Amino acid sequence: MLKLNVDGASHEVDADPDMPLLWALRDHLGKTGTKYGCGIAQCGACTVHLDGQPVRSCQTRIGDVGEAKITTIQGVSGRVAEAVQTAWRGLDVVQCGYCQSGQIMSAIGLLSTTPKPSDAEIDSAMDGNICRCGTYQRVRAAIHEAARSLA
């Protein structure tokens, strides 16, 4: 039995320590906002925060999480999260939406450490977040808008 701190609550998960965090979140805890995309940490759909840092949950073993605080798209909150979500809605970023929970988690991670990112910093932070619909320009615009609203 492994203990996980997810979205501010302690959970016990009866699973192999080698299980990817993604599957523990989705299958054991019902946190289906975190999406499966590629399984090899290349698309970003499964991004969650581990002690505030964006990580790919498909390649993070639950046995390696320890006492770290896991935050999913369903539990993200605070000023930066609200600014990002408001900008996403205001600029109509979402098209199909499948990748967007990972995109939002990466954007929150960026703005939490870099309040006024340049285009290059945004591109670097968002690298590896694949959007099949090609909403990259709207994502970048929304990050800039969120940054302005936080200033």
Foldseek 3Di string as FASTA:
>chain_A
DDWAAELNDIDDDDDDQQQQQQCCCCVVVVNPQQDDDPLPLQAQSRWWAWLLATDRRSRHGNNPNHHTHIYFLVRDDDLLLVLLVVLCVVLVLDDPNSLVRRLSSLLSSQCVVPLQDDPVSSCVSCHRNDDPVPSVVSSSVSSNRSSVVVD
